[in-house]
Amino acid sequence: MKTLHVKIVIDDNLGSKTRTNSEVNMIEQIIMTVVTTLVGYFVGRRKSNAETDNQVLRNLELSIGLYKNIIDDLKHEIHELNIKVQDLQKKVEELMAENKQLKNTKSI
């Protein structure tokens, strides 16, 4: 079996250089490796950024849900305290009226 060796001649004003098939294949492999690495880096970076953004959004949604629950609990507690304040105001008015009545009966 015979092997075919191809030589490529590059003329670059400095003289001619010859390259064998294996040298050309090696250069092609290096170029393809660099291109594949760059494409993979940019695609991976974009995907990573998207995943990070999604995680940030999920965390914000959880935080909003927690704060909403806290706010609802506080609203309920404020409502209960307002009812207690109204009851206490009524008792104070009743006690003031009773106190006034007792003062009037003592002075007579």
C-alpha atoms as a PDB file:
ATOM      1  CA  MET A   1       0.000   0.000   0.000  1.00  0.00           C
ATOM      2  CA  LYS A   2       1.394   3.362  -0.984  1.00  0.00           C
ATOM      3  CA  THR A   3       0.935   6.554   1.034  1.00  0.00           C
ATOM      4  CA  LEU A   4       0.378   9.805  -0.655  1.00  0.00           C
ATOM      5  CA  HIS A   5       2.274  12.771   0.745  1.00  0.00           C
ATOM      6  CA  VAL A   6       1.093  16.184  -0.297  1.00  0.00           C
ATOM      7  CA  LYS A   7       3.262  19.237   0.131  1.00  0.00           C
ATOM      8  CA  ILE A   8       1.785  22.701   0.245  1.00  0.00           C
ATOM      9  CA  VAL A   9       3.979  25.528  -0.849  1.00  0.00           C
ATOM     10  CA  ILE A  10       3.465  28.951   0.677  1.00  0.00           C
ATOM     11  CA  ASP A  11       5.221  31.858  -0.949  1.00  0.00           C
ATOM     12  CA  ASP A  12       5.508  34.842   1.332  1.00  0.00           C
ATOM     13  CA  ASN A  13       8.158  37.143  -0.115  1.00  0.00           C
ATOM     14  CA  LEU A  14      10.621  35.688   2.404  1.00  0.00           C
ATOM     15  CA  GLY A  15      11.058  32.553   0.396  1.00  0.00           C
ATOM     16  CA  SER A  16       9.027  29.458  -0.041  1.00  0.00           C
ATOM     17  CA  LYS A  17       8.165  27.014   2.729  1.00  0.00           C
ATOM     18  CA  THR A  18       6.723  23.588   2.341  1.00  0.00           C
ATOM     19  CA  ARG A  19       4.331  21.904   4.743  1.00  0.00           C
ATOM     20  CA  THR A  20       3.328  18.285   4.915  1.00  0.00           C
ATOM     21  CA  ASN A  21      -0.174  16.906   5.367  1.00  0.00           C
ATOM     22  CA  SER A  22       0.419  16.235   9.060  1.00  0.00           C
ATOM     23  CA  GLU A  23       1.509  19.831   9.676  1.00  0.00           C
ATOM     24  CA  VAL A  24      -1.590  21.129   7.918  1.00  0.00           C
ATOM     25  CA  ASN A  25      -3.792  18.723   9.892  1.00  0.00           C
ATOM     26  CA  MET A  26      -2.168  19.841  13.130  1.00  0.00           C
ATOM     27  CA  ILE A  27      -2.783  23.503  12.288  1.00  0.00           C
ATOM     28  CA  GLU A  28      -6.387  22.716  11.372  1.00  0.00           C
ATOM     29  CA  GLN A  29      -6.850  20.871  14.669  1.00  0.00           C
ATOM     30  CA  ILE A  30      -5.397  23.771  16.638  1.00  0.00           C
ATOM     31  CA  ILE A  31      -7.650  26.268  14.838  1.00  0.00           C
ATOM     32  CA  MET A  32     -10.718  24.071  15.349  1.00  0.00           C
ATOM     33  CA  THR A  33      -9.854  23.609  19.037  1.00  0.00           C
ATOM     34  CA  VAL A  34      -9.538  27.362  19.541  1.00  0.00           C
ATOM     35  CA  VAL A  35     -12.794  28.087  17.669  1.00  0.00           C
ATOM     36  CA  THR A  36     -14.679  25.339  19.530  1.00  0.00           C
ATOM     37  CA  THR A  37     -13.343  26.598  22.862  1.00  0.00           C
ATOM     38  CA  LEU A  38     -14.393  30.181  22.132  1.00  0.00           C
ATOM     39  CA  VAL A  39     -17.871  29.164  20.961  1.00  0.00           C
ATOM     40  CA  GLY A  40     -18.305  26.898  23.984  1.00  0.00           C
ATOM     41  CA  TYR A  41     -17.152  29.661  26.322  1.00  0.00           C
ATOM     42  CA  PHE A  42     -19.604  32.226  24.967  1.00  0.00           C
ATOM     43  CA  VAL A  43     -22.536  29.793  24.858  1.00  0.00           C
ATOM     44  CA  GLY A  44     -21.729  28.534  28.365  1.00  0.00           C
ATOM     45  CA  ARG A  45     -21.342  32.064  29.671  1.00  0.00           C
ATOM     46  CA  ARG A  46     -24.705  33.069  28.238  1.00  0.00           C
ATOM     47  CA  LYS A  47     -26.363  29.984  29.719  1.00  0.00           C
ATOM     48  CA  SER A  48     -24.706  30.588  33.080  1.00  0.00           C
ATOM     49  CA  ASN A  49     -25.886  34.211  33.119  1.00  0.00           C
ATOM     50  CA  ALA A  50     -29.426  33.113  32.264  1.00  0.00           C
ATOM     51  CA  GLU A  51     -29.409  30.520  35.057  1.00  0.00           C
ATOM     52  CA  THR A  52     -28.079  33.105  37.506  1.00  0.00           C
ATOM     53  CA  ASP A  53     -30.825  35.542  36.501  1.00  0.00           C
ATOM     54  CA  ASN A  54     -33.452  32.809  36.940  1.00  0.00           C
ATOM     55  CA  GLN A  55     -32.120  31.987  40.407  1.00  0.00           C
ATOM     56  CA  VAL A  56     -32.184  35.660  41.393  1.00  0.00           C
ATOM     57  CA  LEU A  57     -35.806  35.897  40.228  1.00  0.00           C
ATOM     58  CA  ARG A  58     -36.766  32.776  42.188  1.00  0.00           C
ATOM     59  CA  ASN A  59     -35.118  34.183  45.308  1.00  0.00           C
ATOM     60  CA  LEU A  60     -36.970  37.472  44.839  1.00  0.00           C
ATOM     61  CA  GLU A  61     -40.276  35.638  44.469  1.00  0.00           C
ATOM     62  CA  LEU A  62     -39.594  33.728  47.697  1.00  0.00           C
ATOM     63  CA  SER A  63     -38.666  36.946  49.492  1.00  0.00           C
ATOM     64  CA  ILE A  64     -41.786  38.694  48.232  1.00  0.00           C
ATOM     65  CA  GLY A  65     -43.908  35.762  49.422  1.00  0.00           C
ATOM     66  CA  LEU A  66     -42.312  35.869  52.875  1.00  0.00           C
ATOM     67  CA  TYR A  67     -42.787  39.630  53.170  1.00  0.00           C
ATOM     68  CA  LYS A  68     -46.387  39.319  51.980  1.00  0.00           C
ATOM     69  CA  ASN A  69     -47.079  36.788  54.758  1.00  0.00           C
ATOM     70  CA  ILE A  70     -45.425  39.047  57.322  1.00  0.00           C
ATOM     71  CA  ILE A  71     -47.461  42.040  56.112  1.00  0.00           C
ATOM     72  CA  ASP A  72     -50.705  40.035  56.249  1.00  0.00           C
ATOM     73  CA  ASP A  73     -49.893  38.908  59.803  1.00  0.00           C
ATOM     74  CA  LEU A  74     -49.135  42.480  60.831  1.00  0.00           C
ATOM     75  CA  LYS A  75     -52.376  43.751  59.271  1.00  0.00           C
ATOM     76  CA  HIS A  76     -54.321  41.164  61.267  1.00  0.00           C
ATOM     77  CA  GLU A  77     -52.488  42.102  64.466  1.00  0.00           C
ATOM     78  CA  ILE A  78     -53.112  45.828  63.857  1.00  0.00           C
ATOM     79  CA  HIS A  79     -56.810  45.126  63.341  1.00  0.00           C
ATOM     80  CA  GLU A  80     -56.985  43.201  66.642  1.00  0.00           C
ATOM     81  CA  LEU A  81     -55.117  45.978  68.462  1.00  0.00           C
ATOM     82  CA  ASN A  82     -57.477  48.617  67.036  1.00  0.00           C
ATOM     83  CA  ILE A  83     -60.426  46.642  68.424  1.00  0.00           C
ATOM     84  CA  LYS A  84     -58.711  46.472  71.839  1.00  0.00           C
ATOM     85  CA  VAL A  85     -58.017  50.229  71.752  1.00  0.00           C
ATOM     86  CA  GLN A  86     -61.679  50.945  71.006  1.00  0.00           C
ATOM     87  CA  ASP A  87     -62.767  48.671  73.872  1.00  0.00           C
ATOM     88  CA  LEU A  88     -60.341  50.408  76.230  1.00  0.00           C
ATOM     89  CA  GLN A  89     -61.547  53.831  75.115  1.00  0.00           C
ATOM     90  CA  LYS A  90     -65.139  52.794  75.920  1.00  0.00           C
ATOM     91  CA  LYS A  91     -64.052  51.547  79.364  1.00  0.00           C
ATOM     92  CA  VAL A  92     -62.178  54.777  80.034  1.00  0.00           C
ATOM     93  CA  GLU A  93     -65.268  56.801  79.088  1.00  0.00           C
ATOM     94  CA  GLU A  94     -67.440  54.610  81.310  1.00  0.00           C
ATOM     95  CA  LEU A  95     -64.999  54.962  84.219  1.00  0.00           C
ATOM     96  CA  MET A  96     -64.789  58.721  83.711  1.00  0.00           C
ATOM     97  CA  ALA A  97     -68.579  58.943  83.775  1.00  0.00           C
ATOM     98  CA  GLU A  98     -68.709  56.778  86.901  1.00  0.00           C
ATOM     99  CA  ASN A  99     -65.978  58.874  88.532  1.00  0.00           C
ATOM    100  CA  LYS A 100     -67.855  62.067  87.686  1.00  0.00           C
ATOM    101  CA  GLN A 101     -71.064  60.601  89.101  1.00  0.00           C
ATOM    102  CA  LEU A 102     -69.272  59.593  92.336  1.00  0.00           C
ATOM    103  CA  LYS A 103     -67.797  63.088  92.717  1.00  0.00           C
ATOM    104  CA  ASN A 104     -71.259  64.623  92.226  1.00  0.00           C
ATOM    105  CA  THR A 105     -72.838  62.366  94.859  1.00  0.00           C
ATOM    106  CA  LYS A 106     -70.098  63.122  97.420  1.00  0.00           C
ATOM    107  CA  SER A 107     -70.430  66.847  96.970  1.00  0.00           C
ATOM    108  CA  ILE A 108     -74.156  66.798  97.659  1.00  0.00           C
END
